[in-house]
Protein backbone atom coordinates (compact mmCIF):
# COMPACT_ATOMS: atom_id res chain seq x y z
CA UNK A 1 -49.05 24.90 -7.13
CA UNK A 2 -46.25 22.05 -6.90
CA UNK A 3 -46.26 18.71 -4.30
CA UNK A 4 -43.35 20.94 -2.70
CA UNK A 5 -45.05 24.00 -2.11
CA UNK A 6 -48.58 22.49 -1.06
CA UNK A 7 -46.50 20.53 1.67
CA UNK A 8 -44.91 23.36 3.23
CA UNK A 9 -47.98 25.74 3.15
CA UNK A 10 -49.67 22.64 5.37
CA UNK A 11 -47.04 22.12 7.73
CA UNK A 12 -47.06 26.16 8.37
CA UNK A 13 -50.72 25.57 8.86
CA UNK A 14 -50.31 22.85 11.21
CA UNK A 15 -47.83 24.66 13.18
CA UNK A 16 -49.73 27.47 13.42
CA UNK A 17 -52.64 25.49 14.80
CA UNK A 18 -50.91 23.59 16.96
CA UNK A 19 -48.20 26.09 18.16
CA UNK A 20 -45.17 23.84 16.75
CA UNK A 21 -43.89 25.98 13.72
CA UNK A 22 -42.44 23.70 11.38
CA UNK A 23 -38.62 25.35 10.14
CA UNK A 24 -37.14 23.41 7.03
CA UNK A 25 -34.08 21.54 8.14
CA UNK A 26 -30.59 22.12 6.57
CA UNK A 27 -29.83 18.96 4.15
CA UNK A 28 -27.00 17.03 5.60
CA UNK A 29 -23.74 17.27 3.98
CA UNK A 30 -23.11 13.79 2.13
CA UNK A 31 -20.01 12.01 2.96
CA UNK A 32 -17.25 11.94 0.59
CA UNK A 33 -15.52 8.59 -1.11
CA UNK A 34 -12.01 8.39 -1.17
CA UNK A 35 -10.38 5.23 -3.71
CA UNK A 36 -7.23 4.15 -2.76
CA UNK A 37 -5.42 1.22 -4.66
CA UNK A 38 -2.86 -0.24 -2.32
CA UNK A 39 -0.27 -2.63 -2.62
CA UNK A 40 -0.95 -5.71 -0.29
CA UNK A 41 2.15 -5.02 1.87
CA UNK A 42 0.73 -1.71 2.95
CA UNK A 43 -2.22 -3.60 4.23
CA UNK A 44 -0.97 -3.59 7.89
CA UNK A 45 -0.22 0.01 8.05
CA UNK A 46 -2.96 1.05 6.40
CA UNK A 47 -5.49 -0.24 8.92
CA UNK A 48 -3.94 1.88 11.59
CA UNK A 49 -3.17 5.18 9.32
CA UNK A 50 -6.90 5.17 7.57
CA UNK A 51 -8.74 5.43 10.34
CA UNK A 52 -6.65 8.37 11.76
CA UNK A 53 -7.57 10.44 8.44
CA UNK A 54 -10.86 9.56 8.68
CA UNK A 55 -10.95 11.16 12.06
CA UNK A 56 -9.26 14.10 11.61
CA UNK A 57 -10.95 14.93 7.86
CA UNK A 58 -14.70 14.29 8.52
CA UNK A 59 -16.83 13.68 6.13
CA UNK A 60 -14.34 11.24 3.78
CA UNK A 61 -14.61 7.74 3.77
CA UNK A 62 -11.95 5.87 2.51
CA UNK A 63 -12.09 3.00 0.37
CA UNK A 64 -9.09 0.46 -0.17
CA UNK A 65 -8.81 -1.64 -3.71
CA UNK A 66 -5.90 -4.13 -2.17
CA UNK A 67 -3.68 -6.11 -4.65
CA UNK A 68 -0.10 -6.47 -6.28
CA UNK A 69 1.25 -2.85 -7.32
CA UNK A 70 1.90 -4.48 -11.11
CA UNK A 71 -1.98 -5.42 -11.24
CA UNK A 72 -3.40 -2.06 -9.74
CA UNK A 73 -1.34 0.00 -12.08
CA UNK A 74 -2.41 -1.88 -14.87
CA UNK A 75 -5.92 -1.33 -13.92
CA UNK A 76 -5.34 2.25 -13.44
CA UNK A 77 -4.09 2.39 -17.17
CA UNK A 78 -7.38 0.87 -18.20
CA UNK A 79 -9.16 3.98 -16.38
CA UNK A 80 -10.04 2.46 -13.09
CA UNK A 81 -11.74 5.17 -10.78
CA UNK A 82 -8.70 5.26 -8.26
CA UNK A 83 -7.86 8.71 -6.45
CA UNK A 84 -4.86 7.55 -4.96
CA UNK A 85 -2.02 5.37 -5.61
CA UNK A 86 0.33 3.44 -3.25
CA UNK A 87 2.21 0.93 -4.79
CA UNK A 88 4.97 -0.92 -2.83
CA UNK A 89 7.53 0.37 -5.51
CA UNK A 90 8.50 4.04 -6.69
CA UNK A 91 9.39 2.77 -10.28
CA UNK A 92 5.48 2.13 -10.86
CA UNK A 93 4.29 5.60 -10.04
CA UNK A 94 7.07 6.38 -12.83
CA UNK A 95 5.87 4.63 -15.53
CA UNK A 96 2.27 5.91 -15.19
CA UNK A 97 3.94 9.36 -15.30
CA UNK A 98 5.80 8.38 -18.64
CA UNK A 99 2.12 8.06 -19.90
CA UNK A 100 0.96 10.89 -18.74
CA UNK A 101 -1.58 9.21 -16.31
CA UNK A 102 -0.86 10.97 -12.79
CA UNK A 103 -1.84 14.18 -11.88
CA UNK A 104 1.21 16.77 -12.04
CA UNK A 105 2.76 17.82 -8.73
CA UNK A 106 1.38 15.01 -6.33
CA UNK A 107 4.04 12.22 -7.04
CA UNK A 108 5.72 11.94 -3.53
CA UNK A 109 8.36 9.48 -1.98
CA UNK A 110 7.08 9.18 1.92
CA UNK A 111 9.63 6.01 3.01
CA UNK A 112 11.56 3.58 1.86
CA UNK A 113 12.56 -0.49 3.50
CA UNK A 114 14.74 -3.07 2.74
CA UNK A 115 14.78 -6.48 1.52
CA UNK A 116 15.34 -9.44 3.93
CA UNK A 117 15.38 -13.11 4.32
CA UNK A 118 12.76 -14.91 5.98
CA UNK A 119 11.91 -18.25 7.58
CA UNK A 120 9.29 -19.89 9.51
CA UNK A 121 8.85 -19.61 13.22
CA UNK A 122 7.07 -22.82 13.60
CA UNK A 123 9.92 -25.00 11.10
CA UNK A 124 12.66 -22.57 10.94
CA UNK A 125 15.76 -23.05 8.19
CA UNK A 126 18.73 -24.22 9.69
CA UNK A 127 19.97 -20.90 8.06
CA UNK A 128 21.40 -17.73 9.88
CA UNK A 129 22.46 -15.60 6.92
CA UNK A 130 22.52 -15.13 3.42
CA UNK A 131 25.80 -16.22 2.63
CA UNK A 132 24.83 -19.62 4.40
CA UNK A 133 22.58 -20.35 1.03
CA UNK A 134 25.59 -20.56 -0.66
CA UNK A 135 26.45 -23.80 1.22
CA UNK A 136 23.57 -24.86 3.21
CA UNK A 137 20.84 -26.76 1.03
CA UNK A 138 17.28 -25.99 1.34
CA UNK A 139 14.28 -27.65 -0.42
CA UNK A 140 11.97 -24.32 -1.29
CA UNK A 141 12.57 -20.87 -1.66
CA UNK A 142 9.81 -18.57 -2.06
CA UNK A 143 9.94 -15.20 -4.24
CA UNK A 144 7.48 -13.01 -5.55
CA UNK A 145 6.33 -13.44 -8.91
CA UNK A 146 8.26 -10.82 -11.08
CA UNK A 147 5.78 -10.62 -13.54
CA UNK A 148 3.07 -9.43 -11.39
CA UNK A 149 4.46 -8.13 -8.01
CA UNK A 150 7.21 -5.52 -7.24
CA UNK A 151 9.05 -7.26 -4.32
CA UNK A 152 9.93 -10.10 -7.14
CA UNK A 153 11.14 -7.56 -9.64
CA UNK A 154 13.59 -6.52 -6.36
CA UNK A 155 13.92 -10.19 -5.33
CA UNK A 156 15.02 -11.36 -8.68
CA UNK A 157 17.91 -8.34 -8.90
CA UNK A 158 19.21 -9.32 -5.15
CA UNK A 159 19.36 -13.24 -6.18
CA UNK A 160 21.15 -12.09 -9.55
CA UNK A 161 23.33 -9.68 -8.10
CA UNK A 162 24.71 -12.17 -4.78
CA UNK A 163 25.49 -14.98 -7.74
CA UNK A 164 22.63 -17.55 -6.06
CA UNK A 165 20.70 -17.34 -8.85
CA UNK A 166 21.92 -20.40 -10.81
CA UNK A 167 22.06 -22.66 -7.08
CA UNK A 168 18.72 -21.94 -5.95
CA UNK A 169 16.43 -21.18 -9.06
CA UNK A 170 15.37 -24.83 -8.79
CA UNK A 171 13.98 -24.58 -5.92
CA UNK A 172 12.14 -21.32 -6.50
CA UNK A 173 8.03 -21.35 -5.18
CA UNK A 174 6.47 -17.94 -6.92
CA UNK A 175 3.83 -16.07 -4.92
CA UNK A 176 1.99 -13.56 -6.82
CA UNK A 177 2.53 -10.83 -4.21
CA UNK A 178 4.30 -10.44 -1.07
CA UNK A 179 1.32 -11.97 1.15
CA UNK A 180 1.49 -15.21 -0.84
CA UNK A 181 4.96 -15.62 -0.29
CA UNK A 182 4.44 -14.76 3.65
CA UNK A 183 2.05 -17.68 3.38
CA UNK A 184 4.39 -20.08 1.58
CA UNK A 185 6.92 -19.85 4.25
CA UNK A 186 4.90 -19.79 7.13
CA UNK A 187 3.02 -22.67 6.26
CA UNK A 188 5.87 -24.79 5.89
CA UNK A 189 5.79 -24.68 1.40
CA UNK A 190 8.87 -23.13 1.75
CA UNK A 191 11.82 -23.12 4.18
CA UNK A 192 13.05 -19.40 3.37
CA UNK A 193 11.61 -16.30 1.55
CA UNK A 194 12.51 -12.64 0.52
CA UNK A 195 9.99 -9.96 1.04
CA UNK A 196 10.34 -6.23 1.94
CA UNK A 197 10.84 -5.73 5.72
CA UNK A 198 7.70 -3.73 6.02
CA UNK A 199 6.07 -7.55 5.09
CA UNK A 200 7.63 -9.32 7.87
CA UNK A 201 8.01 -7.40 11.07
CA UNK A 202 3.92 -7.72 11.65
CA UNK A 203 3.88 -11.01 10.34
CA UNK A 204 4.50 -13.64 14.16
CA UNK A 205 4.53 -16.45 11.71
CA UNK A 206 7.95 -15.37 10.25
CA UNK A 207 11.24 -14.44 11.28
CA UNK A 208 13.76 -12.14 9.88
CA UNK A 209 17.41 -13.63 9.25
CA UNK A 210 19.43 -11.28 7.56
CA UNK A 211 18.84 -8.33 5.02
CA UNK A 212 19.84 -8.15 1.55
CA UNK A 213 23.22 -5.12 0.85
CA UNK A 214 21.10 -2.17 -0.39
CA UNK A 215 23.95 -2.36 -3.51
CA UNK A 216 22.02 -5.33 -4.57
CA UNK A 217 18.52 -3.97 -5.81
CA UNK A 218 16.86 -1.02 -6.68
CA UNK A 219 16.06 1.12 -3.72
CA UNK A 220 12.94 0.20 -2.54
CA UNK A 221 10.90 3.77 -2.10
CA UNK A 222 7.48 3.81 -1.34
CA UNK A 223 5.49 6.34 -3.27
CA UNK A 224 2.18 8.21 -3.42
CA UNK A 225 0.42 9.87 -6.33
CA UNK A 226 -3.07 11.52 -7.38
CA UNK A 227 -3.93 9.01 -10.11
CA UNK A 228 -5.42 10.57 -13.79
CA UNK A 229 -8.89 8.83 -12.79
CA UNK A 230 -9.32 10.87 -9.48
CA UNK A 231 -12.66 11.76 -8.93
CA UNK A 232 -11.85 13.59 -5.23
CA UNK A 233 -8.95 15.46 -6.02
CA UNK A 234 -9.49 17.56 -3.02
CA UNK A 235 -9.29 14.26 -0.38
CA UNK A 236 -6.70 12.69 -2.68
CA UNK A 237 -4.26 15.89 -2.04
CA UNK A 238 -5.13 15.74 1.57
CA UNK A 239 -4.40 12.14 2.24
CA UNK A 240 -0.92 13.07 0.51
CA UNK A 241 0.04 15.62 2.75
CA UNK A 242 -1.36 13.50 5.77
CA UNK A 243 0.97 10.86 4.90
CA UNK A 244 3.61 12.95 5.06
CA UNK A 245 2.96 14.52 8.59
CA UNK A 246 5.39 13.78 11.06
CA UNK A 247 2.74 12.11 13.19
CA UNK A 248 2.03 9.49 10.34
CA UNK A 249 5.93 9.26 9.49
CA UNK A 250 6.58 8.19 12.89
CA UNK A 251 3.76 5.41 12.91
CA UNK A 252 5.10 3.91 9.83
CA UNK A 253 8.83 3.06 11.45
CA UNK A 254 6.40 0.35 13.81
CA UNK A 255 5.69 -1.08 10.72
CA UNK A 256 9.21 -1.59 9.40
CA UNK A 257 9.40 1.51 7.39
CA UNK A 258 12.39 3.70 7.05
CA UNK A 259 12.14 7.66 6.84
CA UNK A 260 13.39 9.27 3.65
CA UNK A 261 16.01 12.29 3.66
CA UNK A 262 14.12 15.55 4.25
CA UNK A 263 14.28 16.50 0.52
CA UNK A 264 13.30 12.66 -1.05
CA UNK A 265 9.71 13.47 -0.38
CA UNK A 266 9.07 16.10 -2.76
CA UNK A 267 9.42 14.24 -6.11
CA UNK A 268 8.57 16.25 -9.24
């Protein structure tokens, strides 16, 4: 006779003797973990969105790994156990797709944003527009490192297009990612900086001076996809659909995101 069977018989006997019959309790359902690799620039929005998702999807606990989009993509390429990839530039997903490292049919664009010139609120630069960068001298301009950040790649395109690169290149101060660029500006280590609008709108330490022309850089679209290393594909699908829902689309606009056209979100 097994130990478990002896225990059950003993429990039944005690129940008969003391009038409290033992009834086997069903095992509690274990919660699932959904692992998201998210760009640093999404941190503020996700802090609002993820609790809503967990409330709507009981039993799913979300774990987020934040970092520069390129770094996160490299980790996924190397086999990091990630269910959902949320970079700050859609092209990072395209690069994974060319290597066959996404789950087919899960790639979606869900929002867009613009590139902006910022300054600090404590020690603002004497500049009002991008055009004035041609004539008003600045000591330092903070930009993302194109080798490690998506915002750095887009900023480099803009600075080259606007013919500001030759004049300002010696004044560049590189940040590893968008948060680092913001820190450089808020702390006064750079007078101005170039970031996504989504980086700047919720940061009280910076002020937006101007918006880069849309034709000056690759369109900034935010995408989502289930990674090839996903261990919880069902929850990943639930999250992607949640992100595209009207309620979350409206909420994203509070964090500097722009809506996409109705058919832009469905990218195969």
